[in-house]
Amino acid sequence: MKLKDLAGILPVEGIVPADMEVSGVSSDSRQVRPGDLFVAVAGSKADGASFAADAQKRGAAAIVAARGAALGALSIPVIATDEPRRALALLAARFFSRQPETMVAVTGTSGKTSVAAFTRQIWEHAGLASASIGTTGVVAPGRNDYGSLTTPDPVALHRLLTELAEAGVTHAAMEASSHGLDQSRLDGVRLVAGGFTNLGRDHMDYHPTVEDYHRAKLRLFDTLLPKGAPAVIFADDRWSEPTIAAARAAGLKVLTVGRQGDFLRLKRVEHERFRQRAEIEADGVIHEIDLPLAGDFQIYNALVAAGLAIATGTPSSAALGALEKLGGAPGRLELVGTTGNGAPVYVDYAHKPDALENVLASVRPFTTGRVIVVFGCGGDRDRGKRPIMGEIATRLADVAIVTDDNPRSEVPEEIRSEILAAAPGAIEIGDRRMAIAEAIAMLHAGDTLIVAGKGHEEGQTVGSQTFPFSDHEEVRRALKEHAA
């Protein structure tokens, strides 16, 4: 590809030579290959401009950077642009041009992983080659890759989309995080529909206010989706109305779901320990569904997923019928085992206030004894949520055990103390392995235990090191030892 062929993305007029061959794109100077464009983007820890010389040394054909960026002395062309991040995403889409034909994205505070996984499963039941991309990784026919980023960087994302398309995947559902949207990581993805779950307090270490956080989410609807595209929005959240208004103002086809939904309306639901019986109205027809997952939020997420599947061509009866066969996303109110006296132990990813509140409220209807929760808060993240989560845990659980999550560079005892300040009566056990074992040892018949915060994660970050740690493995180990 010649540099002049990128005129629709970059201001290449006057750049010499315009017929220069460019072979790829990267924002990581260490991955630059001869002939690549290096895009210098400013990150939270380092400014890509400081690596321009390294990119040149590795054979970069040209540097793309923000206007006025301090690049130092370079002997290769420099292309100045107002939006380097957006340019990176669009360039990645140009160099890795293939994508699944039907791409949808879902945003919100909680539920993105479940909605993406559920949408993939609904499509699969309809006989479509499908994939999901998000916090727990990539799942597609023949692959199940563990991941760590909700929304991958643009080059990795578009390389992945090309791989999926070349493998025959026609439908893909992906998560859209506020960081990913704000940083233009999804620009260049040819989306045909979008979904919204809910909005609560999260990422206040990145966004100045909740309103700013919501505006970042709205970019999916007011910028990335084409006019007339379906926007499937959960109708029962306090942020639903402003999201609906923004989607309508952007010219989208708004489809609401939930108890107040007009596209898929939840008429009735009965909670059981391991499933829910629901009546869902679609096009005036009532569908009786047995959802094999516990918790109100699971049925809400399932409705958003069904809405996305229907909006992209799956018949209503097939999409709603597939809900009876759904498997939960890893670490999302996932039943890991039960004690000898029948008390269930769930692992859940809830690491923010609304998510913790939802999961604790969800297990109460089928818990005849006590609700016990083990949780903590991560270091180097929003400190303001710590007392909020402490208050929620002690209000909604009968026994709250405060432990370590991923302390990162912070002192674990200080994180716990900030939680405990608003958690009277909570038990403090810093060692997470010990906290899980103690919680399982105190379970009686009728009790329910939630181990919250890490979900699918397979490591615990202390300082600058990440050590192997799985809540699933620790629960299984403790259950086995307790039964011995």
Protein backbone atom coordinates (compact mmCIF):
# COMPACT_ATOMS: atom_id res chain seq x y z
CA MET A 1 0.00 0.00 0.00
CA LYS A 2 1.28 3.45 -0.87
CA LEU A 3 1.28 6.40 1.50
CA LYS A 4 -0.98 8.36 -0.85
CA ASP A 5 -3.61 5.60 -0.57
CA LEU A 6 -4.10 6.65 3.07
CA ALA A 7 -5.20 10.18 2.18
CA GLY A 8 -8.69 9.53 3.55
CA ILE A 9 -7.21 8.84 6.99
CA LEU A 10 -4.05 10.96 7.15
CA PRO A 11 -3.19 14.44 5.84
CA VAL A 12 -0.54 13.13 3.45
CA GLU A 13 -0.68 15.98 0.94
CA GLY A 14 2.79 17.43 0.59
CA ILE A 15 4.45 14.45 2.28
CA VAL A 16 7.39 13.24 0.19
CA PRO A 17 7.50 10.71 -1.29
CA ALA A 18 3.71 10.26 -1.67
CA ASP A 19 4.17 6.93 -3.46
CA MET A 20 6.22 5.51 -0.58
CA GLU A 21 5.30 1.90 0.18
CA VAL A 22 3.96 1.30 3.70
CA SER A 23 3.48 -2.24 4.90
CA GLY A 24 1.78 -1.98 8.29
CA VAL A 25 1.07 0.07 11.39
CA SER A 26 2.06 -0.04 15.05
CA SER A 27 1.85 2.13 18.15
CA ASP A 28 4.55 0.06 19.91
CA SER A 29 8.02 0.93 18.66
CA ARG A 30 9.29 -2.49 19.74
CA GLN A 31 6.95 -4.13 17.23
CA VAL A 32 7.77 -1.86 14.31
CA ARG A 33 8.95 -3.68 11.20
CA PRO A 34 10.64 -2.10 8.17
CA GLY A 35 8.09 -0.18 6.14
CA ASP A 36 5.59 0.29 8.98
CA LEU A 37 3.93 3.52 10.05
CA PHE A 38 4.58 4.29 13.72
CA VAL A 39 1.73 6.11 15.40
CA ALA A 40 2.86 8.02 18.49
CA VAL A 41 -0.02 8.12 20.97
CA ALA A 42 0.12 9.56 24.47
CA GLY A 43 -0.57 6.92 27.13
CA SER A 44 -1.17 7.09 30.86
CA LYS A 45 2.41 6.02 31.61
CA ALA A 46 4.41 7.09 28.57
CA ASP A 47 4.14 9.32 25.50
CA GLY A 48 4.67 7.50 22.22
CA ALA A 49 6.45 10.56 20.86
CA SER A 50 9.48 9.67 22.98
CA PHE A 51 9.81 6.39 21.07
CA ALA A 52 9.78 7.89 17.58
CA ALA A 53 13.58 7.63 17.24
CA ASP A 54 13.45 3.97 18.23
CA ALA A 55 10.74 3.36 15.63
CA GLN A 56 12.92 5.04 12.99
CA LYS A 57 15.87 2.87 14.00
CA ARG A 58 13.72 -0.23 13.51
CA GLY A 59 12.81 0.78 9.97
CA ALA A 60 9.61 2.82 10.26
CA ALA A 61 8.64 4.44 6.96
CA ALA A 62 7.05 7.47 8.64
CA ILE A 63 5.87 8.76 11.99
CA VAL A 64 2.27 9.75 12.69
CA ALA A 65 1.95 12.09 15.68
CA ALA A 66 -0.11 14.85 17.24
CA ARG A 67 0.54 18.34 15.96
CA GLY A 68 3.39 19.92 17.88
CA ALA A 69 4.57 16.62 19.39
CA ALA A 70 8.20 16.67 20.57
CA LEU A 71 9.70 13.97 18.36
CA GLY A 72 13.33 15.02 18.27
CA ALA A 73 15.49 14.98 15.15
CA LEU A 74 14.19 12.47 12.58
CA SER A 75 15.18 11.75 9.00
CA ILE A 76 11.90 10.11 7.96
CA PRO A 77 8.59 11.85 7.13
CA VAL A 78 6.40 13.05 9.99
CA ILE A 79 2.63 13.24 9.47
CA ALA A 80 0.87 15.53 11.93
CA THR A 81 -2.77 14.82 12.79
CA ASP A 82 -5.30 16.14 15.28
CA GLU A 83 -6.39 12.68 16.44
CA PRO A 84 -3.55 10.13 16.49
CA ARG A 85 -5.64 7.52 18.32
CA ARG A 86 -8.43 7.64 15.78
CA ALA A 87 -5.88 7.57 12.97
CA LEU A 88 -4.33 4.45 14.53
CA ALA A 89 -7.69 2.67 14.61
CA LEU A 90 -8.60 3.59 11.04
CA LEU A 91 -5.14 2.62 9.78
CA ALA A 92 -5.40 -0.73 11.56
CA ALA A 93 -8.77 -1.29 9.89
CA ARG A 94 -7.22 -0.48 6.51
CA PHE A 95 -4.28 -2.85 6.89
CA PHE A 96 -6.41 -5.63 8.43
CA SER A 97 -9.49 -5.06 6.32
CA ARG A 98 -11.54 -8.22 6.83
CA GLN A 99 -14.17 -8.40 9.57
CA PRO A 100 -17.09 -10.69 10.37
CA GLU A 101 -20.07 -9.48 8.35
CA THR A 102 -22.22 -8.85 11.41
CA MET A 103 -20.44 -6.95 14.19
CA VAL A 104 -22.23 -5.74 17.33
CA ALA A 105 -20.86 -4.01 20.43
CA VAL A 106 -22.29 -3.68 23.93
CA THR A 107 -21.42 -1.06 26.51
CA GLY A 108 -22.43 -0.30 30.10
CA THR A 109 -20.90 -0.69 33.54
CA SER A 110 -21.89 -4.28 34.29
CA GLY A 111 -23.01 -7.13 32.09
CA LYS A 112 -20.93 -6.49 28.95
CA THR A 113 -19.12 -9.82 29.17
CA SER A 114 -22.34 -11.76 29.71
CA VAL A 115 -24.18 -10.00 26.90
CA ALA A 116 -21.36 -10.64 24.42
CA ALA A 117 -21.18 -14.31 25.46
CA PHE A 118 -24.97 -14.73 25.40
CA THR A 119 -25.28 -13.11 21.98
CA ARG A 120 -22.64 -15.46 20.59
CA GLN A 121 -24.46 -18.46 22.05
CA ILE A 122 -27.83 -17.36 20.65
CA TRP A 123 -26.30 -17.00 17.20
CA GLU A 124 -24.64 -20.41 17.57
CA HIS A 125 -27.99 -22.01 18.37
CA ALA A 126 -29.30 -20.39 15.18
CA GLY A 127 -26.54 -22.15 13.23
CA LEU A 128 -24.29 -19.13 12.71
CA ALA A 129 -20.48 -19.15 13.00
CA SER A 130 -20.04 -16.72 15.90
CA ALA A 131 -17.48 -15.18 18.22
CA SER A 132 -17.38 -13.05 21.37
CA ILE A 133 -14.57 -10.67 22.31
CA GLY A 134 -14.04 -9.10 25.71
CA THR A 135 -12.79 -9.25 29.26
CA THR A 136 -12.61 -13.04 29.42
CA GLY A 137 -10.90 -13.30 26.03
CA VAL A 138 -11.99 -14.57 22.63
CA VAL A 139 -14.38 -17.46 22.08
CA ALA A 140 -15.03 -18.67 18.54
CA PRO A 141 -15.28 -21.99 16.70
CA GLY A 142 -12.03 -23.79 17.40
CA ARG A 143 -10.59 -21.21 19.79
CA ASN A 144 -11.00 -20.09 23.39
CA ASP A 145 -8.25 -17.59 24.21
CA TYR A 146 -8.00 -16.11 27.68
CA GLY A 147 -7.61 -12.33 27.67
CA SER A 148 -7.20 -9.41 30.01
CA LEU A 149 -8.42 -6.29 28.18
CA THR A 150 -12.11 -5.54 27.73
CA THR A 151 -11.44 -3.74 24.44
CA PRO A 152 -8.07 -4.64 22.80
CA ASP A 153 -5.83 -2.03 21.22
CA PRO A 154 -6.79 -1.23 17.59
CA VAL A 155 -3.99 -3.15 15.88
CA ALA A 156 -4.59 -6.30 17.95
CA LEU A 157 -8.34 -5.91 17.53
CA HIS A 158 -8.31 -5.57 13.75
CA ARG A 159 -5.76 -8.36 13.37
CA LEU A 160 -8.12 -10.53 15.43
CA LEU A 161 -11.18 -9.55 13.38
CA THR A 162 -9.35 -10.49 10.19
CA GLU A 163 -8.35 -13.84 11.69
CA LEU A 164 -11.95 -14.53 12.69
CA ALA A 165 -13.32 -13.58 9.26
CA GLU A 166 -10.73 -15.73 7.50
CA ALA A 167 -11.71 -18.64 9.77
CA GLY A 168 -15.32 -18.33 8.61
CA VAL A 169 -16.83 -16.38 11.51
CA THR A 170 -19.76 -14.32 10.21
CA HIS A 171 -21.12 -12.88 13.49
CA ALA A 172 -19.19 -11.35 16.38
CA ALA A 173 -20.21 -9.58 19.58
CA MET A 174 -17.68 -7.45 21.41
CA GLU A 175 -17.51 -5.44 24.60
CA ALA A 176 -17.03 -1.68 24.36
CA SER A 177 -15.39 -0.28 27.49
CA SER A 178 -15.42 3.42 28.33
CA HIS A 179 -11.64 3.48 27.93
CA GLY A 180 -11.89 1.77 24.54
CA LEU A 181 -14.58 4.17 23.34
CA ASP A 182 -12.84 7.27 24.70
CA GLN A 183 -9.55 6.20 23.13
CA SER A 184 -11.13 5.44 19.71
CA ARG A 185 -10.16 1.76 19.84
CA LEU A 186 -13.40 0.71 18.12
CA ASP A 187 -13.18 3.27 15.33
CA GLY A 188 -12.95 1.36 12.09
CA VAL A 189 -15.06 -1.57 13.32
CA ARG A 190 -18.03 -1.88 10.96
CA LEU A 191 -20.77 -2.16 13.57
CA VAL A 192 -24.37 -2.94 12.62
CA ALA A 193 -25.94 -2.75 16.11
CA GLY A 194 -25.11 -1.70 19.66
CA GLY A 195 -26.36 -2.50 23.14
CA PHE A 196 -26.49 -0.77 26.54
CA THR A 197 -26.84 -2.56 29.89
CA ASN A 198 -26.64 -0.06 32.76
CA LEU A 199 -24.44 2.60 34.29
CA GLY A 200 -22.98 2.84 37.78
CA ARG A 201 -19.86 4.14 39.47
CA ASP A 202 -16.70 2.83 37.83
CA HIS A 203 -13.36 4.08 36.50
CA MET A 204 -13.47 7.27 38.53
CA ASP A 205 -9.68 7.18 38.41
CA TYR A 206 -9.99 7.87 34.66
CA HIS A 207 -13.21 9.82 34.18
CA PRO A 208 -13.64 13.07 36.19
CA THR A 209 -17.36 12.51 36.79
CA VAL A 210 -20.07 9.90 36.25
CA GLU A 211 -21.51 12.20 33.59
CA ASP A 212 -18.17 12.18 31.75
CA TYR A 213 -18.10 8.38 32.08
CA HIS A 214 -21.60 8.21 30.55
CA ARG A 215 -20.57 10.50 27.69
CA ALA A 216 -17.75 8.10 26.86
CA LYS A 217 -20.25 5.23 26.71
CA LEU A 218 -22.54 7.27 24.46
CA ARG A 219 -19.82 7.48 21.80
CA LEU A 220 -20.92 3.99 20.72
CA PHE A 221 -24.32 5.43 19.80
CA ASP A 222 -23.68 8.99 18.67
CA THR A 223 -20.43 8.36 16.76
CA LEU A 224 -19.76 4.73 15.87
CA LEU A 225 -23.11 3.28 14.85
CA PRO A 226 -24.44 4.28 11.42
CA LYS A 227 -27.75 6.15 11.25
CA GLY A 228 -30.72 3.79 11.35
CA ALA A 229 -28.79 1.03 13.12
CA PRO A 230 -30.52 -0.77 16.01
CA ALA A 231 -29.65 0.35 19.54
CA VAL A 232 -30.80 -2.27 22.06
CA ILE A 233 -31.11 -0.51 25.42
CA PHE A 234 -32.04 -1.96 28.81
CA ALA A 235 -34.97 0.22 29.87
CA ASP A 236 -34.99 -0.21 33.67
CA ASP A 237 -31.76 1.53 34.68
CA ARG A 238 -31.59 5.09 36.01
CA TRP A 239 -29.33 5.97 33.06
CA SER A 240 -31.61 4.36 30.46
CA GLU A 241 -33.58 7.49 29.56
CA PRO A 242 -30.58 9.73 28.76
CA THR A 243 -29.07 6.86 26.76
CA ILE A 244 -32.31 6.37 24.82
CA ALA A 245 -32.51 10.12 24.16
CA ALA A 246 -28.93 10.22 22.85
CA ALA A 247 -29.49 7.20 20.60
CA ARG A 248 -32.66 8.71 19.15
CA ALA A 249 -30.94 12.07 18.61
CA ALA A 250 -28.25 10.19 16.66
CA GLY A 251 -30.89 8.76 14.33
CA LEU A 252 -30.70 5.19 15.61
CA LYS A 253 -33.54 2.67 15.80
CA VAL A 254 -34.06 2.36 19.55
CA LEU A 255 -35.22 -1.05 20.81
CA THR A 256 -35.79 -1.21 24.58
CA VAL A 257 -35.84 -4.37 26.68
CA GLY A 258 -36.72 -5.09 30.30
CA ARG A 259 -39.77 -4.65 32.50
CA GLN A 260 -40.36 -1.29 30.81
CA GLY A 261 -39.16 -2.47 27.41
CA ASP A 262 -41.22 -2.06 24.27
CA PHE A 263 -39.20 -4.48 22.11
CA LEU A 264 -38.78 -7.32 24.62
CA ARG A 265 -40.88 -6.86 27.76
CA LEU A 266 -40.26 -8.94 30.88
CA LYS A 267 -43.78 -9.66 32.10
CA ARG A 268 -43.07 -12.00 34.99
CA VAL A 269 -40.17 -13.85 36.58
CA GLU A 270 -39.95 -16.52 39.28
CA HIS A 271 -36.59 -17.09 40.98
CA GLU A 272 -35.27 -20.52 41.83
CA ARG A 273 -31.86 -21.46 43.18
CA PHE A 274 -30.25 -22.35 39.87
CA ARG A 275 -32.69 -20.96 37.30
CA GLN A 276 -35.44 -18.45 36.56
CA ARG A 277 -38.81 -18.89 34.93
CA ALA A 278 -39.73 -15.86 32.86
CA GLU A 279 -42.51 -14.64 30.61
CA ILE A 280 -41.23 -12.40 27.83
CA GLU A 281 -43.46 -10.52 25.41
CA ALA A 282 -42.20 -10.02 21.85
CA ASP A 283 -44.42 -8.68 19.07
CA GLY A 284 -47.49 -9.31 21.19
CA VAL A 285 -46.62 -12.95 21.80
CA ILE A 286 -45.78 -14.28 25.28
CA HIS A 287 -42.80 -16.66 25.41
CA GLU A 288 -42.34 -18.79 28.55
CA ILE A 289 -38.63 -19.28 29.17
CA ASP A 290 -36.65 -21.29 31.72
CA LEU A 291 -33.32 -19.46 32.02
CA PRO A 292 -30.74 -21.83 33.56
CA LEU A 293 -29.00 -18.98 35.44
CA ALA A 294 -29.71 -17.31 38.79
CA GLY A 295 -30.01 -13.59 39.43
CA ASP A 296 -32.11 -10.72 38.09
CA PHE A 297 -29.15 -9.26 36.26
CA GLN A 298 -28.74 -12.50 34.27
CA ILE A 299 -32.24 -12.20 32.80
CA TYR A 300 -31.62 -8.52 32.05
CA ASN A 301 -28.38 -9.34 30.24
CA ALA A 302 -30.09 -12.18 28.39
CA LEU A 303 -32.76 -9.76 27.16
CA VAL A 304 -30.15 -7.34 25.76
CA ALA A 305 -28.41 -10.26 24.05
CA ALA A 306 -31.66 -11.59 22.60
CA GLY A 307 -32.48 -8.09 21.40
CA LEU A 308 -29.15 -7.82 19.59
CA ALA A 309 -29.60 -11.24 17.99
CA ILE A 310 -33.15 -10.44 16.85
CA ALA A 311 -32.10 -6.99 15.59
CA THR A 312 -29.45 -8.65 13.42
CA GLY A 313 -31.76 -11.19 11.82
CA THR A 314 -32.37 -14.07 14.24
CA PRO A 315 -36.09 -14.91 14.50
CA SER A 316 -37.62 -13.96 17.86
CA SER A 317 -38.75 -17.49 18.66
CA ALA A 318 -35.27 -18.89 17.95
CA ALA A 319 -33.48 -16.19 19.94
CA LEU A 320 -35.76 -16.49 22.98
CA GLY A 321 -35.77 -20.27 22.80
CA ALA A 322 -31.96 -20.25 22.89
CA LEU A 323 -32.10 -18.54 26.29
CA GLU A 324 -33.04 -21.89 27.81
CA LYS A 325 -29.65 -23.29 26.78
CA LEU A 326 -27.38 -20.43 27.83
CA GLY A 327 -24.17 -21.04 29.72
CA GLY A 328 -23.01 -18.24 32.01
CA ALA A 329 -19.89 -16.24 31.24
CA PRO A 330 -16.85 -17.32 33.30
CA GLY A 331 -16.85 -15.76 36.77
CA ARG A 332 -20.30 -14.21 36.48
CA LEU A 333 -22.37 -15.61 39.37
CA GLU A 334 -20.74 -18.91 38.49
CA LEU A 335 -21.62 -21.86 40.71
CA VAL A 336 -18.27 -23.47 41.55
CA GLY A 337 -19.47 -26.06 44.04
CA THR A 338 -21.57 -26.85 47.09
CA THR A 339 -20.76 -27.96 50.61
CA GLY A 340 -21.81 -31.32 51.96
CA ASN A 341 -24.87 -29.68 53.49
CA GLY A 342 -25.89 -28.19 50.14
CA ALA A 343 -24.74 -24.57 50.54
CA PRO A 344 -23.76 -23.15 47.12
CA VAL A 345 -20.54 -21.23 46.53
CA TYR A 346 -20.50 -18.73 43.66
CA VAL A 347 -17.62 -16.79 42.13
CA ASP A 348 -18.51 -13.39 40.67
CA TYR A 349 -16.50 -10.62 39.03
CA ALA A 350 -18.35 -7.88 40.98
CA HIS A 351 -15.64 -5.32 41.74
CA LYS A 352 -17.70 -2.13 41.63
CA PRO A 353 -20.57 -0.92 43.82
CA ASP A 354 -23.55 -1.56 41.56
CA ALA A 355 -22.31 -5.00 40.57
CA LEU A 356 -21.77 -6.04 44.20
CA GLU A 357 -25.21 -4.74 45.12
CA ASN A 358 -26.82 -6.61 42.23
CA VAL A 359 -25.18 -9.95 42.94
CA LEU A 360 -25.96 -9.86 46.66
CA ALA A 361 -29.57 -8.88 46.00
CA SER A 362 -29.87 -11.60 43.36
CA VAL A 363 -29.06 -14.51 45.67
CA ARG A 364 -31.30 -13.34 48.54
CA PRO A 365 -34.60 -14.65 47.08
CA PHE A 366 -33.40 -18.27 47.09
CA THR A 367 -31.26 -18.13 50.25
CA THR A 368 -33.10 -19.45 53.31
CA GLY A 369 -30.08 -18.98 55.61
CA ARG A 370 -27.31 -16.41 55.52
CA VAL A 371 -25.71 -14.60 52.60
CA ILE A 372 -21.94 -14.53 53.10
CA VAL A 373 -19.60 -12.48 50.91
CA VAL A 374 -15.81 -12.38 50.53
CA PHE A 375 -14.58 -9.28 48.71
CA GLY A 376 -11.94 -6.56 48.50
CA CYS A 377 -10.98 -3.60 46.30
CA GLY A 378 -8.12 -3.24 43.85
CA GLY A 379 -5.22 -0.89 44.42
CA ASP A 380 -4.31 2.02 42.12
CA ARG A 381 -7.97 2.39 41.17
CA ASP A 382 -10.96 4.48 42.25
CA ARG A 383 -10.48 4.88 46.01
CA GLY A 384 -13.89 6.47 46.46
CA LYS A 385 -15.74 3.23 45.83
CA ARG A 386 -14.12 1.42 48.79
CA PRO A 387 -16.39 2.69 51.59
CA ILE A 388 -19.36 2.45 49.24
CA MET A 389 -18.70 -1.24 48.69
CA GLY A 390 -18.13 -1.77 52.41
CA GLU A 391 -21.53 -0.26 53.17
CA ILE A 392 -23.24 -2.37 50.49
CA ALA A 393 -21.65 -5.59 51.72
CA THR A 394 -22.65 -5.11 55.35
CA ARG A 395 -26.15 -3.97 54.41
CA LEU A 396 -26.98 -6.79 52.02
CA ALA A 397 -24.93 -9.70 53.38
CA ASP A 398 -25.29 -11.31 56.78
CA VAL A 399 -21.55 -11.93 56.98
CA ALA A 400 -19.00 -9.77 55.13
CA ILE A 401 -15.34 -10.79 54.97
CA VAL A 402 -12.98 -8.07 53.72
CA THR A 403 -9.85 -9.40 52.05
CA ASP A 404 -7.28 -8.44 49.43
CA ASP A 405 -8.13 -8.18 45.73
CA ASN A 406 -5.27 -6.92 43.55
CA PRO A 407 -3.47 -4.44 45.84
CA ARG A 408 -0.97 -3.53 43.12
CA SER A 409 1.34 -0.75 44.39
CA GLU A 410 -0.80 0.19 47.40
CA VAL A 411 -0.44 -1.12 50.96
CA PRO A 412 -3.10 -3.87 51.31
CA GLU A 413 -3.88 -2.98 54.94
CA GLU A 414 -4.71 0.59 53.94
CA ILE A 415 -7.11 -0.54 51.22
CA ARG A 416 -8.88 -2.83 53.67
CA SER A 417 -9.09 -0.08 56.28
CA GLU A 418 -10.83 2.24 53.80
CA ILE A 419 -13.44 -0.48 53.14
CA LEU A 420 -13.84 -1.33 56.83
CA ALA A 421 -14.44 2.32 57.73
CA ALA A 422 -17.95 1.91 56.32
CA ALA A 423 -18.41 -1.79 57.10
CA PRO A 424 -19.23 -2.18 60.81
CA GLY A 425 -19.16 -5.81 61.92
CA ALA A 426 -17.21 -7.02 58.88
CA ILE A 427 -14.46 -9.59 59.37
CA GLU A 428 -10.97 -8.73 58.14
CA ILE A 429 -8.83 -11.54 56.70
CA GLY A 430 -6.12 -10.14 54.46
CA ASP A 431 -4.95 -13.43 52.94
CA ARG A 432 -7.50 -14.15 50.20
CA ARG A 433 -6.86 -17.91 50.25
CA MET A 434 -7.49 -17.98 53.99
CA ALA A 435 -10.57 -15.75 53.68
CA ILE A 436 -12.17 -18.13 51.18
CA ALA A 437 -11.38 -21.15 53.37
CA GLU A 438 -12.80 -19.46 56.49
CA ALA A 439 -15.99 -18.48 54.64
CA ILE A 440 -16.56 -22.02 53.40
CA ALA A 441 -15.94 -23.44 56.87
CA MET A 442 -18.75 -21.30 58.31
CA LEU A 443 -21.41 -22.33 55.77
CA HIS A 444 -24.55 -24.00 57.09
CA ALA A 445 -27.43 -25.58 55.20
CA GLY A 446 -29.43 -22.82 53.49
CA ASP A 447 -26.51 -20.38 53.34
CA THR A 448 -25.07 -18.90 50.13
CA LEU A 449 -21.47 -17.74 49.67
CA ILE A 450 -20.33 -15.19 47.08
CA VAL A 451 -16.60 -14.79 46.44
CA ALA A 452 -16.56 -11.45 44.64
CA GLY A 453 -14.13 -9.24 42.80
CA LYS A 454 -11.84 -11.37 40.66
CA GLY A 455 -14.18 -13.64 38.77
CA HIS A 456 -12.38 -15.25 35.82
CA GLU A 457 -8.95 -13.80 36.71
CA GLU A 458 -6.09 -16.25 37.11
CA GLY A 459 -3.66 -14.05 38.99
CA GLN A 460 -3.30 -11.64 41.90
CA THR A 461 -1.20 -8.51 41.38
CA VAL A 462 0.88 -7.47 44.38
CA GLY A 463 3.34 -4.66 43.77
CA SER A 464 4.61 -5.07 40.22
CA GLN A 465 4.24 -8.86 40.17
CA THR A 466 1.26 -11.00 39.29
CA PHE A 467 1.15 -14.32 41.10
CA PRO A 468 -0.98 -17.31 40.06
CA PHE A 469 -4.31 -17.15 41.90
CA SER A 470 -7.76 -18.39 40.95
CA ASP A 471 -10.86 -17.96 43.11
CA HIS A 472 -12.25 -21.05 41.38
CA GLU A 473 -9.29 -23.19 42.38
CA GLU A 474 -9.28 -21.86 45.93
CA VAL A 475 -13.00 -22.56 46.34
CA ARG A 476 -12.59 -26.11 45.05
CA ARG A 477 -9.59 -26.70 47.32
CA ALA A 478 -11.41 -25.38 50.38
CA LEU A 479 -14.54 -27.41 49.62
CA LYS A 480 -12.45 -30.57 49.29
CA GLU A 481 -10.57 -29.91 52.52
CA HIS A 482 -13.79 -29.04 54.37
CA ALA A 483 -15.37 -32.30 53.21
CA ALA A 484 -12.39 -34.41 54.34
